Amino acid sequence: MKKILLLSDTHSHIDEAILKYVRQADEVWHAGDIGDLKVTDAIKALKPLRCVYGNIDNDQARMEFPLNNRFFCEEVDVWITHIGGYPGKYNQAIRTEIQNNPPKLFICGHSHILKVQFDKKLNLLHMNPGACGIYGFHQVRTMLRFEIEGFKIQNLEIVELGNR
């Protein structure tokens, strides 16, 4: 079993409120718009990190992290990208691939809107953790945490870090 902390859109912000939850996870997944790499460096100093770059990220972030990160966690096929869209409205850049070869868990960021939705057509779970940084139009800083055991995604929890 793996305990996962999922975050996105830090926009160069990392603080003790975030790091408290990093310490409780087995792995941390970041869905892009890192900002300053001090964010990912702080996370990597504590826990294994899987990350993608986002549209605001510079060349350093783009050299360190991919645009799309597809991997297995336990028996769950996971795909993380920054701008992914939503069930029925996936980003044109990935639409064909996600329809032809859907993962079990599809994760994106970008919108700063926390959303967890099951795509019945593709039989996948879509997650967007919202934004845990202090920049953007979101009102409340959010992350998600959950567990993966074998092929099961379970014990999903919304983490609210307060107002930005």
C-alpha atoms as a PDB file:
ATOM      1  CA  MET A   1       0.000   0.000   0.000  1.00  0.00           C
ATOM      2  CA  LYS A   2       1.180   3.525  -0.846  1.00  0.00           C
ATOM      3  CA  LYS A   3      -0.022   6.738   0.773  1.00  0.00           C
ATOM      4  CA  ILE A   4      -0.067   9.453  -1.887  1.00  0.00           C
ATOM      5  CA  LEU A   5      -0.149  13.232  -1.455  1.00  0.00           C
ATOM      6  CA  LEU A   6      -1.330  14.940  -4.637  1.00  0.00           C
ATOM      7  CA  LEU A   7      -0.751  18.639  -5.136  1.00  0.00           C
ATOM      8  CA  SER A   8      -0.542  21.155  -7.940  1.00  0.00           C
ATOM      9  CA  ASP A   9      -0.072  24.809  -8.777  1.00  0.00           C
ATOM     10  CA  THR A  10       2.346  25.733  -6.024  1.00  0.00           C
ATOM     11  CA  HIS A  11       3.543  28.723  -8.094  1.00  0.00           C
ATOM     12  CA  SER A  12       6.848  28.886  -6.145  1.00  0.00           C
ATOM     13  CA  HIS A  13       5.173  28.536  -2.742  1.00  0.00           C
ATOM     14  CA  ILE A  14       6.114  25.875  -0.189  1.00  0.00           C
ATOM     15  CA  ASP A  15       5.432  26.172   3.526  1.00  0.00           C
ATOM     16  CA  GLU A  16       5.210  24.102   6.668  1.00  0.00           C
ATOM     17  CA  ALA A  17       1.493  23.462   6.127  1.00  0.00           C
ATOM     18  CA  ILE A  18       2.318  21.614   2.890  1.00  0.00           C
ATOM     19  CA  LEU A  19       5.432  19.921   4.264  1.00  0.00           C
ATOM     20  CA  LYS A  20       3.469  18.535   7.224  1.00  0.00           C
ATOM     21  CA  TYR A  21       1.418  16.454   4.777  1.00  0.00           C
ATOM     22  CA  VAL A  22       4.473  15.596   2.676  1.00  0.00           C
ATOM     23  CA  ARG A  23       5.997  13.923   5.748  1.00  0.00           C
ATOM     24  CA  GLN A  24       2.870  11.774   6.209  1.00  0.00           C
ATOM     25  CA  ALA A  25       2.924  10.417   2.625  1.00  0.00           C
ATOM     26  CA  ASP A  26       4.897   7.598   1.051  1.00  0.00           C
ATOM     27  CA  GLU A  27       5.078   9.470  -2.270  1.00  0.00           C
ATOM     28  CA  VAL A  28       4.212  12.979  -3.423  1.00  0.00           C
ATOM     29  CA  TRP A  29       2.792  13.684  -6.879  1.00  0.00           C
ATOM     30  CA  HIS A  30       2.853  17.243  -8.278  1.00  0.00           C
ATOM     31  CA  ALA A  31       0.650  18.079 -11.272  1.00  0.00           C
ATOM     32  CA  GLY A  32       2.615  21.083 -12.520  1.00  0.00           C
ATOM     33  CA  ASP A  33       3.050  24.840 -12.254  1.00  0.00           C
ATOM     34  CA  ILE A  34       5.848  24.319  -9.781  1.00  0.00           C
ATOM     35  CA  GLY A  35       7.322  27.782 -10.139  1.00  0.00           C
ATOM     36  CA  ASP A  36      10.659  27.826  -8.327  1.00  0.00           C
ATOM     37  CA  LEU A  37      12.413  24.435  -8.115  1.00  0.00           C
ATOM     38  CA  LYS A  38      12.978  25.095  -4.400  1.00  0.00           C
ATOM     39  CA  VAL A  39       9.452  23.653  -4.071  1.00  0.00           C
ATOM     40  CA  THR A  40      10.330  20.287  -5.594  1.00  0.00           C
ATOM     41  CA  ASP A  41      13.755  20.275  -3.920  1.00  0.00           C
ATOM     42  CA  ALA A  42      12.071  20.644  -0.507  1.00  0.00           C
ATOM     43  CA  ILE A  43       9.671  17.802  -1.287  1.00  0.00           C
ATOM     44  CA  LYS A  44      12.394  15.513  -2.697  1.00  0.00           C
ATOM     45  CA  ALA A  45      14.460  16.048   0.459  1.00  0.00           C
ATOM     46  CA  LEU A  46      11.651  14.339   2.394  1.00  0.00           C
ATOM     47  CA  LYS A  47       9.869  11.881   0.082  1.00  0.00           C
ATOM     48  CA  PRO A  48       9.955  10.384  -3.425  1.00  0.00           C
ATOM     49  CA  LEU A  49       8.398  12.779  -5.949  1.00  0.00           C
ATOM     50  CA  ARG A  50       6.655  12.242  -9.277  1.00  0.00           C
ATOM     51  CA  CYS A  51       6.084  15.509 -11.082  1.00  0.00           C
ATOM     52  CA  VAL A  52       5.248  17.156 -14.406  1.00  0.00           C
ATOM     53  CA  TYR A  53       5.956  20.673 -15.544  1.00  0.00           C
ATOM     54  CA  GLY A  54       3.199  23.189 -16.138  1.00  0.00           C
ATOM     55  CA  ASN A  55       2.654  26.144 -18.431  1.00  0.00           C
ATOM     56  CA  ILE A  56       4.354  28.645 -16.077  1.00  0.00           C
ATOM     57  CA  ASP A  57       7.434  26.498 -15.510  1.00  0.00           C
ATOM     58  CA  ASN A  58      10.803  27.544 -16.914  1.00  0.00           C
ATOM     59  CA  ASP A  59      13.437  25.600 -18.848  1.00  0.00           C
ATOM     60  CA  GLN A  60      15.019  24.238 -15.651  1.00  0.00           C
ATOM     61  CA  ALA A  61      11.748  22.593 -14.613  1.00  0.00           C
ATOM     62  CA  ARG A  62      11.145  21.370 -18.167  1.00  0.00           C
ATOM     63  CA  MET A  63      14.573  19.717 -18.215  1.00  0.00           C
ATOM     64  CA  GLU A  64      13.980  18.003 -14.868  1.00  0.00           C
ATOM     65  CA  PHE A  65      10.351  16.921 -15.269  1.00  0.00           C
ATOM     66  CA  PRO A  66       8.273  15.640 -18.210  1.00  0.00           C
ATOM     67  CA  LEU A  67       5.087  17.120 -19.698  1.00  0.00           C
ATOM     68  CA  ASN A  68       3.341  13.763 -19.213  1.00  0.00           C
ATOM     69  CA  ASN A  69       4.249  11.201 -16.570  1.00  0.00           C
ATOM     70  CA  ARG A  70       2.668   7.783 -17.008  1.00  0.00           C
ATOM     71  CA  PHE A  71       3.585   4.999 -14.608  1.00  0.00           C
ATOM     72  CA  PHE A  72       2.205   2.216 -12.444  1.00  0.00           C
ATOM     73  CA  CYS A  73       1.757   2.650  -8.719  1.00  0.00           C
ATOM     74  CA  GLU A  74       1.123  -0.821  -7.350  1.00  0.00           C
ATOM     75  CA  GLU A  75      -1.312  -2.138 -10.026  1.00  0.00           C
ATOM     76  CA  VAL A  76      -2.841   1.219 -10.945  1.00  0.00           C
ATOM     77  CA  ASP A  77      -1.992   2.787 -14.314  1.00  0.00           C
ATOM     78  CA  VAL A  78      -1.510   6.516 -13.569  1.00  0.00           C
ATOM     79  CA  TRP A  79      -1.154   9.419 -15.994  1.00  0.00           C
ATOM     80  CA  ILE A  80      -0.252  12.899 -14.742  1.00  0.00           C
ATOM     81  CA  THR A  81      -0.189  15.988 -16.960  1.00  0.00           C
ATOM     82  CA  HIS A  82      -0.737  19.658 -16.184  1.00  0.00           C
ATOM     83  CA  ILE A  83      -3.371  20.720 -18.717  1.00  0.00           C
ATOM     84  CA  GLY A  84      -5.552  17.666 -19.178  1.00  0.00           C
ATOM     85  CA  GLY A  85      -9.151  18.823 -19.258  1.00  0.00           C
ATOM     86  CA  TYR A  86     -12.045  16.873 -17.806  1.00  0.00           C
ATOM     87  CA  PRO A  87     -14.139  13.825 -18.697  1.00  0.00           C
ATOM     88  CA  GLY A  88     -15.849  14.518 -22.003  1.00  0.00           C
ATOM     89  CA  LYS A  89     -13.645  17.605 -22.514  1.00  0.00           C
ATOM     90  CA  TYR A  90     -10.068  16.338 -22.515  1.00  0.00           C
ATOM     91  CA  ASN A  91      -7.324  18.549 -23.880  1.00  0.00           C
ATOM     92  CA  GLN A  92      -6.957  18.094 -27.633  1.00  0.00           C
ATOM     93  CA  ALA A  93      -3.239  17.282 -27.265  1.00  0.00           C
ATOM     94  CA  ILE A  94      -4.024  14.088 -25.318  1.00  0.00           C
ATOM     95  CA  ARG A  95      -7.591  13.268 -26.381  1.00  0.00           C
ATOM     96  CA  THR A  96      -6.770  10.539 -28.893  1.00  0.00           C
ATOM     97  CA  GLU A  97      -4.268   8.785 -26.648  1.00  0.00           C
ATOM     98  CA  ILE A  98      -6.492   8.864 -23.564  1.00  0.00           C
ATOM     99  CA  GLN A  99      -9.413   7.475 -25.574  1.00  0.00           C
ATOM    100  CA  ASN A 100      -7.310   4.720 -27.173  1.00  0.00           C
ATOM    101  CA  ASN A 101      -5.369   3.773 -24.041  1.00  0.00           C
ATOM    102  CA  PRO A 102      -7.013   5.185 -20.905  1.00  0.00           C
ATOM    103  CA  PRO A 103      -5.221   4.935 -17.560  1.00  0.00           C
ATOM    104  CA  LYS A 104      -7.099   3.907 -14.419  1.00  0.00           C
ATOM    105  CA  LEU A 105      -6.197   7.239 -12.739  1.00  0.00           C
ATOM    106  CA  PHE A 106      -5.863  10.483 -14.708  1.00  0.00           C
ATOM    107  CA  ILE A 107      -4.483  13.526 -12.879  1.00  0.00           C
ATOM    108  CA  CYS A 108      -4.111  17.129 -13.963  1.00  0.00           C
ATOM    109  CA  GLY A 109      -3.811  20.580 -12.450  1.00  0.00           C
ATOM    110  CA  HIS A 110      -3.967  24.017 -14.112  1.00  0.00           C
ATOM    111  CA  SER A 111      -7.556  25.062 -13.317  1.00  0.00           C
ATOM    112  CA  HIS A 112      -6.957  25.675  -9.580  1.00  0.00           C
ATOM    113  CA  ILE A 113     -10.342  23.946  -9.118  1.00  0.00           C
ATOM    114  CA  LEU A 114     -10.439  20.818  -6.981  1.00  0.00           C
ATOM    115  CA  LYS A 115     -12.401  18.121  -8.774  1.00  0.00           C
ATOM    116  CA  VAL A 116     -12.653  14.342  -8.498  1.00  0.00           C
ATOM    117  CA  GLN A 117     -14.849  12.736 -11.122  1.00  0.00           C
ATOM    118  CA  PHE A 118     -15.341   9.250 -12.515  1.00  0.00           C
ATOM    119  CA  ASP A 119     -15.333   9.013 -16.308  1.00  0.00           C
ATOM    120  CA  LYS A 120     -17.844   6.239 -17.009  1.00  0.00           C
ATOM    121  CA  LYS A 121     -17.101   6.211 -20.730  1.00  0.00           C
ATOM    122  CA  LEU A 122     -13.356   5.560 -20.286  1.00  0.00           C
ATOM    123  CA  ASN A 123     -13.668   3.792 -16.909  1.00  0.00           C
ATOM    124  CA  LEU A 124     -11.103   6.033 -15.220  1.00  0.00           C
ATOM    125  CA  LEU A 125     -10.931   8.222 -12.154  1.00  0.00           C
ATOM    126  CA  HIS A 126     -10.066  11.860 -12.855  1.00  0.00           C
ATOM    127  CA  MET A 127      -8.451  13.977 -10.116  1.00  0.00           C
ATOM    128  CA  ASN A 128      -7.471  17.625  -9.953  1.00  0.00           C
ATOM    129  CA  PRO A 129      -6.187  18.608  -6.490  1.00  0.00           C
ATOM    130  CA  GLY A 130      -6.877  22.310  -6.974  1.00  0.00           C
ATOM    131  CA  ALA A 131      -4.040  24.658  -6.004  1.00  0.00           C
ATOM    132  CA  CYS A 132      -1.993  24.687  -2.803  1.00  0.00           C
ATOM    133  CA  GLY A 133      -0.005  27.813  -3.649  1.00  0.00           C
ATOM    134  CA  ILE A 134      -0.906  31.358  -2.666  1.00  0.00           C
ATOM    135  CA  TYR A 135      -1.130  32.811  -6.187  1.00  0.00           C
ATOM    136  CA  GLY A 136      -4.153  32.505  -8.463  1.00  0.00           C
ATOM    137  CA  PHE A 137      -7.891  33.005  -8.308  1.00  0.00           C
ATOM    138  CA  HIS A 138      -8.692  30.100  -5.955  1.00  0.00           C
ATOM    139  CA  GLN A 139      -9.931  31.051  -2.505  1.00  0.00           C
ATOM    140  CA  VAL A 140      -8.927  27.975  -0.494  1.00  0.00           C
ATOM    141  CA  ARG A 141      -5.601  26.139  -0.842  1.00  0.00           C
ATOM    142  CA  THR A 142      -6.241  22.438  -1.433  1.00  0.00           C
ATOM    143  CA  MET A 143      -4.501  19.099  -1.950  1.00  0.00           C
ATOM    144  CA  LEU A 144      -5.685  15.487  -2.078  1.00  0.00           C
ATOM    145  CA  ARG A 145      -4.424  12.442  -0.317  1.00  0.00           C
ATOM    146  CA  PHE A 146      -5.359   8.834  -0.884  1.00  0.00           C
ATOM    147  CA  GLU A 147      -4.017   5.309  -0.821  1.00  0.00           C
ATOM    148  CA  ILE A 148      -3.303   2.845  -3.562  1.00  0.00           C
ATOM    149  CA  GLU A 149      -3.392  -0.800  -2.593  1.00  0.00           C
ATOM    150  CA  GLY A 150      -3.005  -3.248  -5.447  1.00  0.00           C
ATOM    151  CA  PHE A 151      -5.537  -2.091  -8.032  1.00  0.00           C
ATOM    152  CA  LYS A 152      -7.651  -0.111  -5.500  1.00  0.00           C
ATOM    153  CA  ILE A 153      -7.670   3.665  -5.048  1.00  0.00           C
ATOM    154  CA  GLN A 154      -9.067   4.231  -1.576  1.00  0.00           C
ATOM    155  CA  ASN A 155      -9.446   6.540   1.433  1.00  0.00           C
ATOM    156  CA  LEU A 156      -9.535   9.725  -0.633  1.00  0.00           C
ATOM    157  CA  GLU A 157      -9.358  12.849   1.500  1.00  0.00           C
ATOM    158  CA  ILE A 158      -9.475  16.546   0.647  1.00  0.00           C
ATOM    159  CA  VAL A 159      -6.847  18.577   2.484  1.00  0.00           C
ATOM    160  CA  GLU A 160      -7.733  22.239   2.972  1.00  0.00           C
ATOM    161  CA  LEU A 161      -4.822  24.487   3.928  1.00  0.00           C
ATOM    162  CA  GLY A 162      -6.899  27.581   4.563  1.00  0.00           C
ATOM    163  CA  ASN A 163      -7.421  30.721   2.532  1.00  0.00           C
ATOM    164  CA  ARG A 164      -4.697  31.849   0.211  1.00  0.00           C
END
